[in-house]
Every structure is written in C-alpha cells, then in structure tokens.
N, C-alpha and C. Protein backbone atom coordinates (compact mmCIF):
# COMPACT_ATOMS: atom_id res chain seq x y z
N UNK A 1 4.33 6.30 -15.10
CA UNK A 1 5.27 6.55 -16.08
C UNK A 1 6.50 6.79 -15.42
N UNK A 2 6.58 7.34 -14.04
CA UNK A 2 7.81 7.20 -13.50
C UNK A 2 8.36 5.95 -12.96
N UNK A 3 7.82 4.94 -12.88
CA UNK A 3 7.58 3.24 -12.63
C UNK A 3 8.81 2.73 -14.14
N UNK A 4 8.04 3.31 -14.68
CA UNK A 4 8.16 3.21 -16.53
C UNK A 4 9.48 3.36 -16.70
N UNK A 5 10.07 4.58 -16.39
CA UNK A 5 11.34 5.64 -16.81
C UNK A 5 12.59 4.66 -15.69
N UNK A 6 11.85 4.57 -14.68
CA UNK A 6 13.20 3.38 -13.69
C UNK A 6 13.03 2.09 -14.01
N UNK A 7 12.39 1.78 -14.47
CA UNK A 7 12.39 -0.15 -15.25
C UNK A 7 13.40 0.32 -16.30
N UNK A 8 13.28 1.05 -17.20
CA UNK A 8 13.98 0.97 -17.93
C UNK A 8 15.60 1.50 -17.73
N UNK A 9 15.03 2.11 -16.84
CA UNK A 9 16.89 2.58 -16.62
C UNK A 9 17.69 1.24 -15.42
N UNK A 10 16.94 0.63 -15.34
CA UNK A 10 17.17 -0.57 -14.07
C UNK A 10 17.92 -1.63 -15.59
N UNK A 11 17.03 -2.07 -16.18
CA UNK A 11 17.47 -2.89 -17.60
C UNK A 11 18.76 -2.36 -17.95
N UNK A 12 18.87 -1.22 -18.07
CA UNK A 12 19.56 -0.45 -19.13
C UNK A 12 20.78 -0.94 -18.67
N UNK A 13 21.05 -0.69 -17.07
CA UNK A 13 22.00 -0.47 -16.43
C UNK A 13 22.44 -2.12 -16.45
N UNK A 14 21.89 -2.96 -16.44
CA UNK A 14 21.66 -4.40 -16.21
C UNK A 14 22.07 -4.90 -17.73
N UNK A 15 21.68 -4.46 -18.22
CA UNK A 15 22.54 -5.03 -19.78
C UNK A 15 23.43 -4.40 -20.24
N UNK A 16 24.02 -3.25 -19.68
CA UNK A 16 25.22 -2.93 -20.19
C UNK A 16 27.00 -3.26 -20.27
N UNK A 17 26.97 -4.09 -19.42
CA UNK A 17 28.06 -4.57 -19.16
C UNK A 17 28.04 -5.79 -20.57
N UNK A 18 26.94 -6.61 -20.41
CA UNK A 18 26.59 -7.56 -21.64
C UNK A 18 26.98 -6.70 -23.20
N UNK A 19 26.72 -5.46 -23.05
CA UNK A 19 26.60 -4.83 -24.40
C UNK A 19 28.33 -4.46 -24.29
N UNK A 20 28.86 -3.93 -23.46
CA UNK A 20 30.08 -3.73 -23.58
C UNK A 20 30.94 -4.90 -24.08
N UNK A 21 30.97 -5.76 -23.49
CA UNK A 21 31.78 -7.01 -23.86
C UNK A 21 31.68 -7.30 -25.20
N UNK A 22 30.85 -7.08 -26.06
CA UNK A 22 29.98 -8.18 -27.12
C UNK A 22 30.30 -6.92 -28.14
N UNK A 23 31.15 -5.90 -28.11
CA UNK A 23 31.56 -4.65 -28.83
C UNK A 23 33.19 -5.22 -29.28
N UNK A 24 33.41 -5.03 -30.15
CA UNK A 24 34.84 -5.46 -30.65
C UNK A 24 36.15 -4.10 -29.99
N UNK A 25 36.92 -4.91 -29.08
CA UNK A 25 37.92 -4.35 -28.40
C UNK A 25 38.41 -2.93 -29.39
N UNK A 26 38.89 -2.30 -28.33
CA UNK A 26 39.44 -0.84 -29.17
C UNK A 26 40.84 -0.77 -29.45
N UNK A 27 41.74 -0.05 -30.50
CA UNK A 27 43.10 -0.54 -30.81
C UNK A 27 43.84 0.67 -29.68
N UNK A 28 45.32 0.32 -29.93
CA UNK A 28 46.18 1.02 -29.47
C UNK A 28 45.75 2.20 -30.14
N UNK A 29 46.85 3.19 -29.61
CA UNK A 29 47.54 4.56 -30.45
C UNK A 29 48.07 4.88 -31.23
N UNK A 30 49.16 3.76 -31.32
CA UNK A 30 50.25 4.30 -32.56
C UNK A 30 50.24 3.00 -33.34
N UNK A 31 50.10 2.82 -34.70
CA UNK A 31 49.92 1.88 -35.50
C UNK A 31 51.00 2.42 -36.84
N UNK A 32 51.66 0.94 -37.14
CA UNK A 32 52.83 1.54 -38.57
C UNK A 32 52.86 0.51 -38.79
N UNK A 33 53.09 0.07 -40.46
CA UNK A 33 53.72 -0.94 -40.83
C UNK A 33 54.82 -0.51 -42.20
N UNK A 34 55.85 -1.20 -42.73
CA UNK A 34 56.43 -1.19 -44.53
C UNK A 34 54.98 -1.18 -45.12
N UNK A 35 54.60 -0.58 -46.09
CA UNK A 35 54.01 -0.74 -47.22
C UNK A 35 54.75 -0.85 -48.67
N UNK A 36 55.73 -0.65 -48.68
CA UNK A 36 56.71 -0.68 -49.98
C UNK A 36 57.97 -0.62 -49.53
N UNK A 37 58.59 -2.01 -50.25
CA UNK A 37 58.27 -2.56 -50.50
C UNK A 37 57.14 -3.57 -49.62
N UNK A 38 56.49 -4.08 -50.32
CA UNK A 38 55.09 -4.98 -49.44
C UNK A 38 56.04 -5.35 -48.44
N UNK A 39 56.01 -5.16 -47.14
CA UNK A 39 55.86 -6.46 -46.16
C UNK A 39 55.37 -7.31 -45.67
N UNK A 40 55.43 -8.35 -44.74
CA UNK A 40 54.63 -9.37 -44.72
C UNK A 40 53.20 -9.17 -44.39
N UNK A 41 52.99 -8.04 -43.26
CA UNK A 41 52.03 -8.08 -42.91
C UNK A 41 51.05 -6.93 -44.01
N UNK A 42 51.86 -6.57 -44.74
CA UNK A 42 51.55 -5.82 -46.16
C UNK A 42 50.67 -6.64 -47.09
N UNK A 43 51.30 -8.14 -47.41
CA UNK A 43 50.84 -8.74 -48.22
C UNK A 43 49.33 -9.17 -47.48
N UNK A 44 49.76 -9.19 -46.10
CA UNK A 44 48.39 -10.64 -45.82
C UNK A 44 47.34 -9.47 -46.37
N UNK A 45 47.50 -8.38 -45.67
CA UNK A 45 46.29 -7.01 -46.23
C UNK A 45 45.69 -7.23 -47.59
N UNK A 46 46.61 -7.39 -48.46
CA UNK A 46 46.26 -6.90 -49.80
C UNK A 46 45.68 -8.47 -50.28
N UNK A 47 45.98 -9.30 -49.57
CA UNK A 47 45.30 -11.13 -49.84
C UNK A 47 46.55 -11.54 -51.23
N UNK A 48 47.22 -11.44 -50.73
CA UNK A 48 48.36 -11.56 -51.31
C UNK A 48 48.85 -13.24 -50.88
N UNK A 49 48.61 -13.58 -49.57
CA UNK A 49 49.20 -14.38 -48.71
C UNK A 49 47.93 -14.67 -48.04
N UNK A 50 47.48 -15.82 -47.56
CA UNK A 50 46.34 -16.28 -46.30
C UNK A 50 46.88 -15.98 -45.54
N UNK A 51 46.12 -15.30 -44.58
CA UNK A 51 46.37 -14.86 -43.02
C UNK A 51 45.34 -14.94 -42.23
N UNK A 52 45.63 -15.15 -41.24
CA UNK A 52 44.53 -14.66 -39.94
C UNK A 52 44.64 -13.57 -39.72
N UNK A 53 44.46 -12.68 -37.94
CA UNK A 53 44.45 -11.69 -37.54
C UNK A 53 45.07 -10.75 -38.13
N UNK A 54 45.72 -10.61 -38.51
CA UNK A 54 47.17 -9.48 -39.15
C UNK A 54 46.03 -9.23 -40.89
N UNK A 55 45.95 -10.08 -41.05
CA UNK A 55 45.07 -9.32 -42.42
C UNK A 55 44.25 -8.07 -42.28
N UNK A 56 43.48 -8.18 -41.14
CA UNK A 56 42.56 -6.90 -40.49
C UNK A 56 43.71 -5.60 -40.04
N UNK A 57 44.59 -5.92 -39.35
CA UNK A 57 45.44 -4.96 -38.81
C UNK A 57 46.69 -4.79 -38.85
N UNK A 58 47.35 -4.98 -40.05
CA UNK A 58 48.46 -4.88 -40.44
C UNK A 58 49.88 -3.65 -39.49
N UNK A 59 49.10 -3.24 -39.11
CA UNK A 59 49.46 -1.87 -38.74
C UNK A 59 49.82 -1.95 -37.06
N UNK A 60 49.23 -3.04 -36.62
CA UNK A 60 49.15 -3.39 -35.14
C UNK A 60 50.42 -4.89 -34.89
N UNK A 61 51.63 -4.87 -35.55
CA UNK A 61 52.79 -5.44 -35.03
C UNK A 61 53.86 -5.02 -34.19
N UNK A 62 53.08 -4.52 -32.42
CA UNK A 62 53.92 -4.05 -31.63
C UNK A 62 54.54 -5.17 -30.37
N UNK A 63 55.40 -5.14 -30.08
CA UNK A 63 55.95 -5.45 -29.03
C UNK A 63 56.99 -4.42 -28.15
N UNK A 64 57.66 -4.87 -26.70
CA UNK A 64 58.76 -5.02 -26.48
C UNK A 64 59.93 -4.04 -27.21
N UNK A 65 60.46 -3.48 -26.63
CA UNK A 65 61.88 -2.73 -27.95
C UNK A 65 62.79 -4.07 -27.96
N UNK A 66 63.56 -4.06 -28.67
CA UNK A 66 64.59 -4.86 -28.90
C UNK A 66 64.62 -6.55 -29.58
N UNK A 67 62.92 -7.22 -29.49
CA UNK A 67 62.89 -7.78 -30.27
C UNK A 67 63.38 -8.02 -31.50
N UNK A 68 63.18 -9.45 -32.09
CA UNK A 68 63.70 -10.11 -33.69
C UNK A 68 63.09 -10.49 -34.47
N UNK A 69 61.92 -10.45 -34.17
CA UNK A 69 60.85 -11.13 -34.55
C UNK A 69 60.03 -10.50 -35.68
N UNK A 70 59.23 -11.48 -36.79
CA UNK A 70 59.02 -10.25 -37.72
C UNK A 70 56.99 -9.99 -36.64
N UNK A 71 56.48 -10.51 -35.71
CA UNK A 71 55.68 -10.84 -35.50
C UNK A 71 55.45 -9.55 -34.09
N UNK A 72 56.90 -9.37 -33.72
CA UNK A 72 57.18 -8.44 -32.53
C UNK A 72 56.73 -9.03 -31.03
N UNK A 73 56.46 -10.47 -31.36
CA UNK A 73 56.33 -11.24 -29.89
C UNK A 73 55.31 -11.73 -29.92
N UNK A 74 54.48 -11.26 -30.66
CA UNK A 74 52.80 -11.14 -30.63
C UNK A 74 52.64 -12.41 -30.75
N UNK A 75 51.62 -13.25 -30.05
CA UNK A 75 51.44 -14.82 -30.55
C UNK A 75 50.28 -14.63 -31.98
N UNK A 76 49.31 -13.54 -31.54
CA UNK A 76 48.16 -13.71 -32.68
C UNK A 76 49.01 -12.70 -34.19
N UNK A 77 50.10 -12.89 -34.16
CA UNK A 77 50.68 -12.51 -35.23
C UNK A 77 51.85 -13.12 -35.47
N UNK A 78 51.95 -14.80 -35.15
CA UNK A 78 53.07 -15.60 -35.34
C UNK A 78 53.20 -16.27 -36.19
N UNK A 79 52.30 -16.10 -37.20
CA UNK A 79 52.72 -16.72 -38.78
C UNK A 79 52.96 -15.56 -39.37
N UNK A 80 53.45 -14.33 -38.52
CA UNK A 80 54.24 -13.68 -39.77
C UNK A 80 56.16 -13.97 -39.39
N UNK A 81 56.30 -14.88 -38.83
CA UNK A 81 57.55 -15.70 -38.51
C UNK A 81 58.22 -16.50 -39.46
N UNK A 82 56.77 -17.29 -40.34
CA UNK A 82 56.77 -18.40 -40.79
C UNK A 82 57.51 -18.13 -41.58
N UNK A 83 58.70 -18.13 -42.14
CA UNK A 83 59.83 -17.89 -43.10
C UNK A 83 59.52 -19.37 -44.59
N UNK A 84 58.52 -20.38 -44.87
CA UNK A 84 58.01 -21.68 -45.38
C UNK A 84 56.76 -20.77 -45.78
N UNK A 85 55.73 -19.59 -45.48
CA UNK A 85 54.85 -19.50 -45.69
C UNK A 85 54.15 -19.28 -47.13
N UNK A 86 55.34 -18.62 -48.21
CA UNK A 86 54.92 -18.37 -49.03
C UNK A 86 55.25 -17.00 -49.79
N UNK A 87 55.53 -16.11 -48.63
CA UNK A 87 55.67 -14.56 -48.90
C UNK A 87 56.19 -14.44 -50.37
N UNK A 88 55.89 -13.46 -50.83
CA UNK A 88 56.03 -12.82 -52.01
C UNK A 88 57.87 -11.74 -51.82
N UNK A 89 58.76 -12.48 -52.78
CA UNK A 89 60.06 -11.35 -52.41
C UNK A 89 60.50 -10.49 -53.88
N UNK A 90 60.34 -9.29 -53.27
CA UNK A 90 60.19 -8.18 -53.98
C UNK A 90 61.83 -7.85 -54.96
N UNK A 91 61.68 -7.64 -55.93
CA UNK A 91 63.66 -7.33 -56.09
C UNK A 91 63.56 -6.03 -56.17
N UNK A 92 64.60 -5.32 -55.73
CA UNK A 92 64.56 -4.17 -55.54
C UNK A 92 66.38 -4.09 -55.90
N UNK A 93 66.79 -2.84 -55.28
CA UNK A 93 68.37 -1.91 -55.94
C UNK A 93 69.15 -2.23 -54.74
N UNK A 94 70.75 -2.19 -54.84
CA UNK A 94 71.47 -1.94 -53.54
C UNK A 94 70.98 -0.61 -52.59
N UNK A 95 70.25 0.02 -53.24
CA UNK A 95 69.77 1.04 -52.24
C UNK A 95 68.16 1.62 -52.63
N UNK A 96 67.33 1.18 -51.64
CA UNK A 96 66.15 1.14 -51.71
C UNK A 96 65.41 1.76 -51.21
N UNK A 97 63.85 2.35 -51.20
CA UNK A 97 63.19 3.32 -50.22
C UNK A 97 62.49 2.47 -49.97
N UNK A 98 62.33 2.74 -48.40
CA UNK A 98 61.30 1.87 -47.67
C UNK A 98 60.35 3.35 -46.76
N UNK A 99 58.79 2.72 -47.14
CA UNK A 99 58.09 3.09 -47.05
C UNK A 99 57.23 2.79 -46.01
N UNK A 100 56.98 3.84 -44.69
CA UNK A 100 56.14 3.25 -43.80
C UNK A 100 54.69 3.46 -44.01
N UNK A 101 53.53 3.16 -43.83
CA UNK A 101 52.43 3.77 -44.08
C UNK A 101 51.97 3.86 -42.27
N UNK A 102 51.93 4.97 -41.45
CA UNK A 102 51.47 5.43 -39.92
C UNK A 102 50.21 5.59 -40.01
N UNK A 103 49.48 4.80 -39.26
CA UNK A 103 48.12 4.99 -39.22
C UNK A 103 47.71 5.73 -38.33
N UNK A 104 48.46 5.87 -37.13
CA UNK A 104 48.52 6.66 -35.86
C UNK A 104 50.11 7.30 -35.51
N UNK A 105 50.37 8.35 -35.73
CA UNK A 105 51.67 8.73 -35.53
C UNK A 105 52.10 8.78 -33.87
N UNK A 106 53.58 8.75 -33.65
CA UNK A 106 54.05 8.91 -31.92
C UNK A 106 55.55 9.15 -32.56
N UNK A 107 55.91 10.53 -31.29
CA UNK A 107 56.87 10.87 -31.04
C UNK A 107 58.34 9.11 -31.87
N UNK A 108 59.08 9.59 -32.19
CA UNK A 108 60.07 8.53 -32.35
C UNK A 108 61.42 8.43 -32.13
N UNK A 109 62.24 7.55 -31.59
CA UNK A 109 63.40 7.63 -31.00
C UNK A 109 64.14 7.29 -32.72
N UNK A 110 63.82 6.25 -32.90
CA UNK A 110 64.92 6.02 -34.11
C UNK A 110 63.75 4.42 -35.03
N UNK A 111 64.59 4.36 -35.85
CA UNK A 111 64.12 3.22 -37.23
C UNK A 111 65.12 2.46 -37.55
N UNK A 112 65.21 1.25 -37.74
CA UNK A 112 66.16 0.62 -37.45
C UNK A 112 66.00 -0.53 -38.58
N UNK A 113 67.06 -1.26 -39.20
CA UNK A 113 66.70 -1.87 -40.67
C UNK A 113 67.80 -2.84 -40.13
N UNK A 114 67.48 -4.03 -40.49
CA UNK A 114 68.46 -5.35 -40.00
C UNK A 114 68.20 -6.23 -41.08
N UNK A 115 69.62 -7.19 -41.33
CA UNK A 115 69.24 -8.33 -42.13
C UNK A 115 70.24 -9.05 -41.47
N UNK A 116 70.02 -10.55 -41.31
CA UNK A 116 70.77 -11.59 -40.65
C UNK A 116 70.91 -11.45 -39.16
N UNK A 117 70.29 -10.85 -38.63
CA UNK A 117 70.68 -9.98 -37.20
C UNK A 117 71.39 -9.03 -37.61
N UNK A 118 72.40 -8.22 -38.38
CA UNK A 118 73.42 -7.36 -38.73
C UNK A 118 72.27 -5.88 -39.01
N UNK A 119 72.44 -4.85 -37.97
CA UNK A 119 71.60 -3.50 -38.71
C UNK A 119 72.36 -3.13 -39.87
N UNK A 120 71.78 -2.69 -40.85
CA UNK A 120 72.61 -2.16 -41.77
C UNK A 120 71.78 -0.85 -41.93
N UNK A 121 70.92 -0.18 -41.02
CA UNK A 121 70.49 1.14 -41.07
C UNK A 121 70.11 1.84 -39.66
N UNK A 122 70.61 2.76 -39.96
CA UNK A 122 69.58 3.85 -38.56
C UNK A 122 69.34 5.16 -38.64
N UNK A 123 67.88 5.34 -38.39
CA UNK A 123 67.70 7.00 -38.35
C UNK A 123 67.29 7.49 -37.44
N UNK A 124 67.52 8.59 -36.87
CA UNK A 124 67.33 9.00 -35.42
C UNK A 124 66.70 10.36 -35.50
N UNK A 125 65.19 10.07 -35.17
CA UNK A 125 64.10 11.28 -35.20
C UNK A 125 64.32 12.01 -34.28
N UNK A 126 65.15 11.45 -32.72
CA UNK A 126 65.49 12.80 -31.36
C UNK A 126 64.00 13.03 -31.24
N UNK A 127 63.31 12.15 -31.05
CA UNK A 127 61.49 12.37 -30.51
C UNK A 127 60.80 12.88 -31.58
N UNK A 128 60.92 13.45 -32.61
CA UNK A 128 60.63 14.58 -33.33
C UNK A 128 58.74 13.10 -33.83
N UNK A 129 57.94 13.97 -34.28
CA UNK A 129 56.47 13.40 -34.53
C UNK A 129 56.77 13.11 -36.25
N UNK A 130 56.33 11.91 -36.32
CA UNK A 130 56.30 11.67 -37.88
C UNK A 130 55.31 11.99 -38.94
N UNK A 131 55.40 12.25 -40.10
CA UNK A 131 54.56 12.43 -40.79
C UNK A 131 53.14 11.27 -41.09
N UNK A 132 52.25 11.03 -42.16
CA UNK A 132 51.56 9.66 -42.36
C UNK A 132 52.21 8.77 -43.11
N UNK A 133 53.40 9.09 -43.98
CA UNK A 133 53.98 8.60 -44.43
C UNK A 133 55.72 8.46 -43.96
N UNK A 134 56.66 7.95 -43.81
CA UNK A 134 57.88 7.94 -43.81
C UNK A 134 58.88 7.16 -44.47
N UNK A 135 59.75 7.94 -45.44
CA UNK A 135 60.64 7.27 -46.59
C UNK A 135 61.83 7.22 -45.82
N UNK A 136 62.16 5.82 -45.99
CA UNK A 136 64.27 5.56 -46.09
C UNK A 136 64.85 5.42 -47.03
N UNK A 137 66.21 5.96 -47.11
CA UNK A 137 66.67 5.21 -48.96
C UNK A 137 68.02 3.86 -47.70
N UNK A 138 67.35 2.82 -48.05
CA UNK A 138 68.46 1.79 -46.86
C UNK A 138 69.65 1.21 -47.99
N UNK A 139 70.26 1.62 -47.85
CA UNK A 139 71.52 0.76 -48.62
C UNK A 139 71.98 -0.71 -47.75
N UNK A 140 71.96 -1.54 -49.18
CA UNK A 140 72.61 -2.99 -48.43
C UNK A 140 73.91 -3.35 -48.73
N UNK A 141 74.60 -1.74 -49.09
CA UNK A 141 76.27 -2.69 -48.99
C UNK A 141 76.46 -3.39 -50.09
N UNK A 142 77.07 -4.62 -49.71
CA UNK A 142 77.43 -5.49 -50.04
C UNK A 142 76.38 -6.90 -50.45
N UNK A 143 75.35 -6.86 -49.41
CA UNK A 143 74.65 -7.81 -49.51
C UNK A 143 73.81 -7.98 -51.18
N UNK A 144 73.55 -9.19 -51.14
CA UNK A 144 72.51 -9.40 -52.53
C UNK A 144 72.16 -10.60 -52.67
N UNK A 145 71.16 -11.02 -53.11
CA UNK A 145 70.30 -11.77 -52.95
C UNK A 145 69.45 -11.78 -52.30
N UNK A 146 68.08 -12.97 -52.02
CA UNK A 146 67.11 -12.99 -51.35
C UNK A 146 67.43 -13.06 -49.90
N UNK A 147 67.17 -11.80 -49.32
CA UNK A 147 67.01 -11.15 -47.88
C UNK A 147 65.81 -10.90 -47.64
N UNK A 148 65.84 -11.35 -45.91
CA UNK A 148 64.64 -10.68 -44.70
C UNK A 148 65.05 -9.55 -44.18
N UNK A 149 64.27 -8.43 -44.61
CA UNK A 149 65.07 -7.51 -43.46
C UNK A 149 63.83 -6.88 -42.68
N UNK A 150 64.22 -7.00 -41.23
CA UNK A 150 63.56 -6.82 -39.74
C UNK A 150 63.49 -5.08 -40.22
N UNK A 151 62.28 -4.76 -40.26
CA UNK A 151 62.60 -2.80 -39.83
C UNK A 151 61.64 -3.00 -38.92
N UNK A 152 62.37 -1.49 -37.80
CA UNK A 152 61.70 -1.59 -36.19
C UNK A 152 61.11 -0.28 -36.47
N UNK A 153 60.32 0.54 -35.90
CA UNK A 153 59.76 1.72 -35.42
C UNK A 153 60.12 1.80 -33.88
N UNK A 154 60.83 2.58 -33.52
CA UNK A 154 61.02 2.25 -32.12
C UNK A 154 60.74 3.85 -31.29
N UNK A 155 59.35 3.58 -30.74
CA UNK A 155 58.24 4.80 -30.28
C UNK A 155 59.68 5.53 -29.26
N UNK A 156 59.14 6.76 -29.08
CA UNK A 156 60.31 7.44 -27.96
C UNK A 156 59.12 7.88 -26.72
N UNK A 157 58.37 7.77 -26.65
CA UNK A 157 57.64 7.73 -25.59
C UNK A 157 57.24 6.70 -24.72
N UNK A 158 57.08 5.61 -25.12
CA UNK A 158 56.77 4.20 -25.11
C UNK A 158 57.67 3.07 -24.62
N UNK A 159 58.06 2.20 -24.07
CA UNK A 159 58.89 0.98 -24.31
C UNK A 159 58.36 -0.05 -25.33
N UNK A 160 57.79 0.41 -26.05
CA UNK A 160 57.16 -0.70 -27.25
C UNK A 160 58.01 0.30 -28.81
N UNK A 161 57.98 -0.85 -29.62
CA UNK A 161 58.15 -0.74 -30.98
C UNK A 161 57.19 -1.07 -32.14
N UNK A 162 57.15 -1.38 -33.10
CA UNK A 162 56.29 -2.28 -34.32
C UNK A 162 57.07 -2.35 -35.09
N UNK A 163 57.20 -3.43 -35.53
CA UNK A 163 58.31 -4.31 -36.46
C UNK A 163 57.19 -4.87 -38.25
N UNK A 164 57.90 -4.78 -38.71
CA UNK A 164 58.05 -5.65 -40.36
C UNK A 164 59.24 -6.39 -40.97
N UNK A 165 58.54 -7.34 -41.10
CA UNK A 165 59.49 -7.76 -42.01
C UNK A 165 59.04 -7.78 -43.83
N UNK A 166 60.22 -7.71 -44.59
CA UNK A 166 60.16 -7.64 -45.76
C UNK A 166 61.19 -8.49 -46.76
N UNK A 167 60.36 -9.38 -47.30
CA UNK A 167 61.02 -10.12 -48.08
C UNK A 167 61.68 -9.37 -49.42
N UNK A 168 63.06 -9.45 -49.51
CA UNK A 168 63.74 -9.32 -50.90
C UNK A 168 64.37 -9.50 -51.70
N UNK A 169 64.51 -9.33 -52.82
CA UNK A 169 65.99 -10.16 -53.52
C UNK A 169 67.19 -8.99 -54.41
N UNK A 170 68.09 -8.57 -53.50
CA UNK A 170 68.71 -7.23 -53.11
C UNK A 170 69.60 -7.74 -54.86
N UNK A 171 69.11 -6.30 -55.74
CA UNK A 171 70.04 -6.78 -57.15
C UNK A 171 69.40 -7.84 -58.07
N UNK A 172 68.06 -8.11 -57.31
CA UNK A 172 67.60 -9.26 -58.51
C UNK A 172 66.63 -8.64 -59.59
C-alpha cells in the first residue's frame, strides 16, 4: 500500500508541469473597456465585426501609458488599429456619455479622450477606485462628422493604461 501511494505521488509530481502548461493563462487584475457607444472591442465581443482574440477579452487592451493606438501596443489586438475593418459608426450628439465597463477595478489617476491626437476631455479621479461602470459626459466642441475617439483609462498604481477606440458620427 505504501509503495502504491509513493508511486502515485511521483507520477503526480511528474505530470504537474505538463498539466499546468496545458491550462489557459490567467488574466491581469485590472480590466475595462467602453461599452457605450460601442468601442471597437465591444463590437468584436458582440460579433458585430469579425475579430480574433479580442472577441473573448474586450477588457484586456492594456499597455504602457502614453500610447495613441487602439490596441494599446498589444500585437494580439492589432486589428483594433485597422481603420478599414468595417467598424460600425455610432451617431452621437455634441455632448455624449461614454460608459466604461470595468471587469476588475483599479485606483485611477485620469480618464482621457482624444480625437485626431488632440485631447478633448480629461477627468481626474485622484487615485480613487472606480465603480463597475464609469460614465463621462464628453463635449465634442466644434467637432462634427465622423470621428475616431481614443479613450484612455490611466491606472494610478501601475505604469499601464487601458485603451479603447470608438467610431462616432458627431451630430449625425
């Protein structure tokens, strides 16, 4: 009986690394994306646009702070940078509410919104931990027509941010 237990323990120890490698990788602790108006990753998750990995993890577009790409510099999500992919353009008013869906919350420094490389809105949370849904009223000023909005969630306690692009038609 003692030999059987010892053999089983040795087999288990030998198989553990192979089993661990075959399991799916874990996720990072903070995640979020714009759900309304639908961001590019929200469109992927909904099946509105055919996409790769981002379909299953729209909340994972994370990269170093200061980037200007829809993919957050993450090569797995590079298709989010492709403006010709057929993204649905949402008609919005001059003042539009953008809703972040946070699947894991992190202390936040700022939320930023850009159009054409120019920041159009900044919301400072001063390190506060947000709720599961965060809404921002963004004023497009004198911008009209089709625009690509880059929304950035700057996490307070890491060097990273979360990125989302939203295709809109202001006043359309």
